Amino acid sequence: MAYAQTEVTPGVSFGKKFGVTYILPQTEIVIEAKATRQHYEPGQFCQYAERYLRLSGVKQEAETTWALDEVKVKSVGVPNPSNIYFVEMKDRTTAPLMELTADGIVRSINLPYVGEQKTVQPQAPQQVVEPDLDPRSFLTEEILTATSTAKMAELVAREIYSIRESKNALLRGEADNLPKDGAQLQIMLDNLNKQEKAMTQMFEGKVMTDTHQFSMKVSPKEMNNHVVFRFSKKLGFVEADDLAGEPVELTITNKHLVSEQPAEPTGGKASKSLVNTLSNGSKTAIEGVAYNVPGKADVKLTYNHKDLIKTEMSITQFGTLEYLSAQLFNRNTVTKVQFDVTTGALLKIERQ
């Protein structure tokens, strides 16, 4: 007896009939973007950076800047509530031997059950985050008891120059207490570098960097320079109607305008073994097994009058609906069919 290979709909009663209900997908475009935020925090002695350390151009005000690093587009398949079908289980047909995804989208007919395909996400390299150094932990008593900010800045600058001299003496082998080996030398240099970095940040400030990701879905249709979101160099990702950011615009062009009338089933005269349930609840008898023939579209994403993405994609909504005849699934033959769960397209068909 025929059975359904699916975790979602092992068998569905349709009136007085018993069979498998499946769904065809429709396309959604997913836009993924990644941006880097840099926040600058001025140092305590930023106004003395030029005088004591000869550091020019040091900013004295906090500032946050954003940079748009990467934008990607991809298509995903989601269930189309207007394309729900029912295949009746009969002794003389193998059509109900179907595998569905967790969403009920048809994956295959008469092929071994493989279950949900889990994509392995590549692991990003682990980032070693250095602890935030407290420069005051390296300050001497003389510096901490200074009576003015200018005097304190002067003493800290002298300490920085002293650390640099100590590093040069170690590297030249002129230090009073030379390390015993290379490992000890590296430890001493690392400690001096930490002290110098912490104290120098009191003049030049420090920059904190982090990465932010943004994702959104768009139902594809013909559109020209449609603003999907905006990006601000000061605020990062903002809504499409927020004029504080520059627009990121999406253009979708249907390459082949096609008729929306469904084609007749292929493969000979078919019996009425499939029913289409429309979104309004009405039922229409369909001959054969339905599948999508997606259309093609040019997809372009622009920002600041420059193309970020320019590619061709398969869009189900721009295509047609076709049918495999029920004659392909009679008792005398074994027809194996594989579908694309993203577009609902026919990928492979074999008849034995």
Protein backbone atom coordinates (compact mmCIF):
# COMPACT_ATOMS: atom_id res chain seq x y z
CA MET A 1 0.00 0.00 0.00
CA ALA A 2 1.27 3.47 -0.77
CA TYR A 3 2.51 5.71 2.03
CA ALA A 4 3.79 9.23 2.40
CA GLN A 5 7.44 9.94 3.28
CA THR A 6 6.94 13.09 5.27
CA GLU A 7 7.26 14.20 8.87
CA VAL A 8 4.50 16.79 8.40
CA THR A 9 1.65 15.14 6.53
CA PRO A 10 1.84 11.33 6.74
CA GLY A 11 -1.74 11.11 5.51
CA VAL A 12 -4.55 13.60 5.10
CA SER A 13 -8.21 12.93 4.70
CA PHE A 14 -9.73 14.92 1.85
CA GLY A 15 -13.47 14.28 1.89
CA LYS A 16 -13.81 10.55 1.44
CA LYS A 17 -10.32 10.25 -0.04
CA PHE A 18 -6.98 9.61 1.64
CA GLY A 19 -3.64 10.93 0.42
CA VAL A 20 -0.88 13.50 0.75
CA THR A 21 -1.19 17.27 0.82
CA TYR A 22 1.83 19.25 -0.36
CA ILE A 23 2.66 22.88 -1.07
CA LEU A 24 4.61 24.60 -3.81
CA PRO A 25 6.99 27.35 -2.73
CA GLN A 26 7.16 30.97 -3.74
CA THR A 27 10.31 33.09 -3.78
CA GLU A 28 11.45 35.63 -1.26
CA ILE A 29 14.64 37.64 -1.64
CA VAL A 30 16.80 37.94 1.46
CA ILE A 31 19.14 40.92 1.76
CA GLU A 32 21.99 40.51 4.22
CA ALA A 33 24.34 43.35 5.11
CA LYS A 34 27.31 43.70 7.42
CA ALA A 35 28.72 46.96 8.79
CA THR A 36 31.52 48.00 11.12
CA ARG A 37 31.03 50.58 13.85
CA GLN A 38 34.01 52.50 15.23
CA HIS A 39 33.60 54.58 18.37
CA TYR A 40 36.39 57.01 19.25
CA GLU A 41 36.79 58.08 22.86
CA PRO A 42 39.22 61.00 23.40
CA GLY A 43 42.02 60.67 25.93
CA GLN A 44 42.24 62.53 29.23
CA PHE A 45 45.19 64.57 27.96
CA CYS A 46 44.13 64.91 24.30
CA GLN A 47 44.69 68.69 24.34
CA TYR A 48 48.36 68.10 25.28
CA ALA A 49 49.10 65.42 22.65
CA GLU A 50 50.82 67.87 20.28
CA ARG A 51 52.84 69.61 23.00
CA TYR A 52 54.30 66.58 24.81
CA LEU A 53 54.17 63.67 22.33
CA ARG A 54 54.17 65.52 19.00
CA LEU A 55 50.90 63.80 18.01
CA SER A 56 49.07 65.95 15.48
CA GLY A 57 45.41 65.81 14.51
CA VAL A 58 44.23 64.19 17.75
CA LYS A 59 40.47 64.64 18.09
CA GLN A 60 39.10 66.10 21.30
CA GLU A 61 35.46 65.05 20.86
CA ALA A 62 33.90 61.59 20.97
CA GLU A 63 32.84 60.29 17.55
CA THR A 64 31.08 57.26 16.13
CA THR A 65 31.40 56.26 12.48
CA TRP A 66 29.90 53.39 10.48
CA ALA A 67 31.17 51.69 7.33
CA LEU A 68 29.09 49.38 5.11
CA ASP A 69 31.37 46.39 4.53
CA GLU A 70 29.37 43.78 2.64
CA VAL A 71 25.94 43.20 1.13
CA LYS A 72 24.57 39.89 -0.16
CA VAL A 73 21.29 38.79 -1.74
CA LYS A 74 19.89 35.28 -1.93
CA SER A 75 16.57 33.62 -2.62
CA VAL A 76 14.63 31.37 -0.26
CA GLY A 77 11.50 29.33 -0.77
CA VAL A 78 8.49 29.83 1.48
CA PRO A 79 5.14 28.00 1.31
CA ASN A 80 2.66 29.53 -1.11
CA PRO A 81 -0.79 29.35 0.52
CA SER A 82 -2.43 29.64 -2.91
CA ASN A 83 -0.69 26.51 -4.24
CA ILE A 84 -1.73 23.68 -1.90
CA TYR A 85 -2.33 20.30 -3.57
CA PHE A 86 -3.73 16.92 -2.62
CA VAL A 87 -2.55 13.63 -4.12
CA GLU A 88 -4.92 10.73 -3.60
CA MET A 89 -3.48 7.39 -2.52
CA LYS A 90 -4.46 4.63 -4.91
CA ASP A 91 -3.32 1.06 -5.31
CA ARG A 92 -2.44 1.67 -8.94
CA THR A 93 -0.28 4.74 -8.44
CA THR A 94 2.98 5.54 -6.65
CA ALA A 95 2.52 9.31 -6.67
CA PRO A 96 1.84 9.50 -2.89
CA LEU A 97 5.39 8.21 -2.18
CA MET A 98 6.43 11.80 -1.59
CA GLU A 99 8.92 13.52 0.69
CA LEU A 100 8.08 16.95 2.05
CA THR A 101 10.07 19.54 3.96
CA ALA A 102 9.10 20.61 7.46
CA ASP A 103 7.00 23.36 5.84
CA GLY A 104 5.15 20.87 3.65
CA ILE A 105 6.98 21.80 0.41
CA VAL A 106 7.43 18.86 -1.95
CA ARG A 107 11.03 17.63 -2.19
CA SER A 108 10.84 14.37 -4.14
CA ILE A 109 8.75 11.46 -5.37
CA ASN A 110 9.93 7.83 -5.12
CA LEU A 111 13.40 8.78 -3.88
CA PRO A 112 15.03 7.58 -0.63
CA TYR A 113 14.02 9.64 2.38
CA VAL A 114 16.82 12.05 3.30
CA GLY A 115 15.11 14.29 5.84
CA GLU A 116 15.87 17.97 6.33
CA GLN A 117 19.10 19.15 4.75
CA LYS A 118 21.12 20.98 7.38
CA THR A 119 23.73 23.33 6.05
CA VAL A 120 26.95 23.45 8.02
CA GLN A 121 27.84 27.01 8.78
CA PRO A 122 31.58 27.71 8.57
CA GLN A 123 32.98 28.60 11.94
CA ALA A 124 34.43 32.06 12.11
CA PRO A 125 37.92 32.29 13.57
CA GLN A 126 37.82 33.11 17.23
CA GLN A 127 38.89 36.66 17.97
CA VAL A 128 41.17 37.24 20.91
CA VAL A 129 39.87 40.31 22.72
CA GLU A 130 42.52 42.13 24.70
CA PRO A 131 41.41 43.29 28.15
CA ASP A 132 40.86 46.99 28.49
CA LEU A 133 43.98 48.38 30.19
CA ASP A 134 43.59 50.87 33.01
CA PRO A 135 46.37 53.44 32.48
CA ARG A 136 46.08 54.67 36.07
CA SER A 137 47.39 51.31 37.29
CA PHE A 138 50.76 52.19 35.69
CA LEU A 139 51.01 55.73 37.06
CA THR A 140 53.55 56.61 39.72
CA GLU A 141 52.80 58.40 42.98
CA GLU A 142 54.34 61.58 41.60
CA ILE A 143 51.95 61.56 38.64
CA LEU A 144 48.87 60.82 40.73
CA THR A 145 49.63 63.61 43.20
CA ALA A 146 50.25 66.26 40.52
CA THR A 147 48.34 69.45 41.25
CA SER A 148 47.22 70.22 37.68
CA THR A 149 46.16 68.39 34.56
CA ALA A 150 48.98 69.97 32.56
CA LYS A 151 51.60 68.80 35.10
CA MET A 152 50.12 65.30 35.13
CA ALA A 153 50.21 65.16 31.32
CA GLU A 154 53.86 66.25 31.35
CA LEU A 155 54.83 63.55 33.84
CA VAL A 156 52.93 60.85 31.92
CA ALA A 157 54.72 61.90 28.73
CA ARG A 158 58.08 61.59 30.50
CA GLU A 159 57.10 58.10 31.66
CA ILE A 160 56.26 57.13 28.06
CA TYR A 161 59.67 58.31 26.86
CA SER A 162 61.33 56.41 29.72
CA ILE A 163 59.51 53.19 28.67
CA ARG A 164 60.70 53.66 25.07
CA GLU A 165 64.27 54.09 26.27
CA SER A 166 63.99 50.91 28.33
CA LYS A 167 62.75 48.95 25.28
CA ASN A 168 65.61 50.24 23.14
CA ALA A 169 68.13 49.30 25.84
CA LEU A 170 66.74 45.76 26.03
CA LEU A 171 66.83 45.32 22.25
CA ARG A 172 70.41 46.61 22.07
CA GLY A 173 71.58 44.53 25.02
CA GLU A 174 72.49 47.65 27.00
CA ALA A 175 70.02 47.23 29.89
CA ASP A 176 71.31 46.88 33.45
CA ASN A 177 69.31 43.70 34.03
CA LEU A 178 69.44 41.71 30.79
CA PRO A 179 67.03 38.77 30.40
CA LYS A 180 68.42 35.24 30.59
CA ASP A 181 66.85 34.04 27.32
CA GLY A 182 64.61 35.08 24.43
CA ALA A 183 61.39 34.04 26.21
CA GLN A 184 62.15 36.28 29.18
CA LEU A 185 63.06 39.12 26.82
CA GLN A 186 59.69 38.79 25.07
CA ILE A 187 57.81 38.88 28.37
CA MET A 188 59.62 42.05 29.41
CA LEU A 189 58.96 43.71 26.05
CA ASP A 190 55.26 42.74 26.15
CA ASN A 191 54.84 44.31 29.59
CA LEU A 192 56.57 47.51 28.47
CA ASN A 193 54.41 47.65 25.34
CA LYS A 194 51.23 47.33 27.44
CA GLN A 195 52.34 50.18 29.68
CA GLU A 196 53.22 52.40 26.74
CA LYS A 197 49.94 51.67 24.96
CA ALA A 198 47.84 52.39 28.04
CA MET A 199 49.60 55.67 28.75
CA THR A 200 49.62 56.78 25.12
CA GLN A 201 45.84 56.27 25.00
CA MET A 202 45.56 58.99 27.64
CA PHE A 203 46.71 61.39 24.90
CA GLU A 204 45.50 59.97 21.58
CA GLY A 205 42.35 58.26 22.87
CA LYS A 206 41.14 54.82 21.86
CA VAL A 207 38.93 53.34 19.16
CA MET A 208 36.46 50.54 19.92
CA THR A 209 35.32 48.49 16.91
CA ASP A 210 32.43 46.06 16.57
CA THR A 211 30.51 44.43 13.73
CA HIS A 212 26.75 44.58 13.17
CA GLN A 213 24.59 42.51 10.79
CA PHE A 214 21.25 43.36 9.20
CA SER A 215 18.82 41.08 7.37
CA MET A 216 15.46 41.61 5.69
CA LYS A 217 13.12 39.81 3.28
CA VAL A 218 11.49 41.24 0.17
CA SER A 219 8.66 39.64 -1.82
CA PRO A 220 9.85 40.01 -5.41
CA LYS A 221 7.89 41.97 -7.98
CA GLU A 222 8.84 44.40 -10.70
CA MET A 223 10.34 47.43 -8.97
CA ASN A 224 12.70 50.25 -9.87
CA ASN A 225 14.97 51.89 -7.29
CA HIS A 226 12.80 50.81 -4.40
CA VAL A 227 14.32 51.90 -1.06
CA VAL A 228 14.64 48.78 1.10
CA PHE A 229 16.61 50.41 3.93
CA ARG A 230 18.97 53.30 4.54
CA PHE A 231 22.49 53.49 5.89
CA SER A 232 24.01 56.34 7.83
CA LYS A 233 27.73 56.82 8.47
CA LYS A 234 26.81 58.13 11.91
CA LEU A 235 23.81 55.94 12.85
CA GLY A 236 24.34 52.74 10.86
CA PHE A 237 21.27 50.84 9.60
CA VAL A 238 18.07 52.90 9.70
CA GLU A 239 14.53 52.43 8.38
CA ALA A 240 13.64 53.09 4.74
CA ASP A 241 11.69 56.23 5.66
CA ASP A 242 14.42 57.66 7.90
CA LEU A 243 16.07 60.43 5.89
CA ALA A 244 19.06 60.45 8.23
CA GLY A 245 20.60 57.72 6.05
CA GLU A 246 21.44 57.29 2.39
CA PRO A 247 19.07 54.91 0.53
CA VAL A 248 19.94 51.36 -0.43
CA GLU A 249 17.76 50.77 -3.50
CA LEU A 250 16.53 47.52 -5.03
CA THR A 251 15.64 47.09 -8.71
CA ILE A 252 14.00 43.87 -9.95
CA THR A 253 13.38 43.40 -13.67
CA ASN A 254 11.38 40.47 -15.00
CA LYS A 255 13.42 39.19 -17.95
CA HIS A 256 10.62 37.19 -19.55
CA LEU A 257 7.03 38.26 -19.14
CA VAL A 258 5.05 35.02 -19.42
CA SER A 259 1.43 33.99 -19.44
CA GLU A 260 -0.02 33.06 -16.08
CA GLN A 261 -2.28 30.37 -17.59
CA PRO A 262 -1.23 26.89 -16.38
CA ALA A 263 -0.10 24.44 -19.02
CA GLU A 264 -1.78 21.13 -19.72
CA PRO A 265 -0.32 18.05 -17.97
CA THR A 266 2.45 16.26 -19.87
CA GLY A 267 2.97 12.55 -20.29
CA GLY A 268 -0.29 11.40 -21.79
CA LYS A 269 -3.89 11.32 -20.63
CA ALA A 270 -4.06 11.80 -16.87
CA SER A 271 -6.65 10.92 -14.30
CA LYS A 272 -7.96 13.54 -11.88
CA SER A 273 -5.82 12.42 -8.93
CA LEU A 274 -4.80 15.83 -7.63
CA VAL A 275 -6.82 18.66 -6.13
CA ASN A 276 -5.74 22.28 -5.76
CA THR A 277 -6.98 24.03 -2.62
CA LEU A 278 -7.04 27.78 -3.14
CA SER A 279 -6.43 30.33 -0.40
CA ASN A 280 -10.14 31.14 -0.29
CA GLY A 281 -10.99 27.52 0.52
CA SER A 282 -12.39 26.56 -2.90
CA LYS A 283 -11.19 23.34 -4.55
CA THR A 284 -10.28 22.78 -8.14
CA ALA A 285 -9.62 19.40 -9.75
CA ILE A 286 -6.15 19.26 -11.33
CA GLU A 287 -4.72 16.51 -13.52
CA GLY A 288 -1.16 15.47 -12.66
CA VAL A 289 1.51 16.54 -10.17
CA ALA A 290 2.10 20.27 -10.09
CA TYR A 291 5.51 21.97 -10.13
CA ASN A 292 6.88 25.44 -10.79
CA VAL A 293 8.82 26.69 -13.77
CA PRO A 294 10.45 29.81 -12.29
CA GLY A 295 11.20 32.85 -14.36
CA LYS A 296 14.40 34.88 -14.45
CA ALA A 297 14.94 38.35 -13.12
CA ASP A 298 17.77 40.86 -13.04
CA VAL A 299 18.35 41.99 -9.45
CA LYS A 300 20.36 45.11 -8.67
CA LEU A 301 21.15 46.74 -5.35
CA THR A 302 22.66 50.24 -5.33
CA TYR A 303 24.03 52.56 -2.64
CA ASN A 304 25.40 56.06 -3.19
CA HIS A 305 24.81 55.64 -6.95
CA LYS A 306 27.11 52.59 -7.01
CA ASP A 307 26.08 49.00 -7.74
CA LEU A 308 26.55 46.77 -4.70
CA ILE A 309 24.89 43.72 -6.31
CA LYS A 310 24.06 42.99 -9.92
CA THR A 311 22.95 39.43 -10.58
CA GLU A 312 20.35 37.15 -12.15
CA MET A 313 17.99 35.14 -9.94
CA SER A 314 15.25 32.57 -10.39
CA ILE A 315 11.90 33.96 -9.25
CA THR A 316 8.93 31.61 -8.92
CA GLN A 317 6.37 34.39 -9.19
CA PHE A 318 7.70 35.33 -12.64
CA GLY A 319 7.28 31.80 -14.01
CA THR A 320 4.50 29.33 -14.80
CA LEU A 321 2.83 26.31 -13.29
CA GLU A 322 3.26 22.93 -15.02
CA TYR A 323 2.03 19.38 -14.34
CA LEU A 324 3.42 15.87 -14.56
CA SER A 325 0.81 13.43 -15.81
CA ALA A 326 -0.51 10.84 -13.38
CA GLN A 327 0.28 8.26 -16.12
CA LEU A 328 3.95 8.58 -15.08
CA PHE A 329 3.15 7.07 -11.68
CA ASN A 330 1.12 3.98 -12.56
CA ARG A 331 1.83 0.51 -11.21
CA ASN A 332 3.89 -0.60 -14.25
CA THR A 333 6.58 2.10 -13.92
CA VAL A 334 8.65 3.72 -11.18
CA THR A 335 9.19 7.39 -11.86
CA LYS A 336 11.66 9.21 -9.63
CA VAL A 337 11.31 12.98 -9.38
CA GLN A 338 13.33 15.57 -7.54
CA PHE A 339 12.20 19.17 -6.98
CA ASP A 340 13.98 22.34 -5.95
CA VAL A 341 12.54 23.24 -2.54
CA THR A 342 13.55 26.88 -3.04
CA THR A 343 11.72 27.46 -6.33
CA GLY A 344 9.54 24.36 -6.74
CA ALA A 345 11.25 23.67 -10.08
CA LEU A 346 11.68 20.19 -11.52
CA LEU A 347 15.34 19.21 -11.05
CA LYS A 348 15.40 15.60 -12.20
CA ILE A 349 13.01 12.94 -13.48
CA GLU A 350 13.86 9.30 -14.14
CA ARG A 351 11.50 6.58 -15.34
CA GLN A 352 12.24 2.90 -14.92
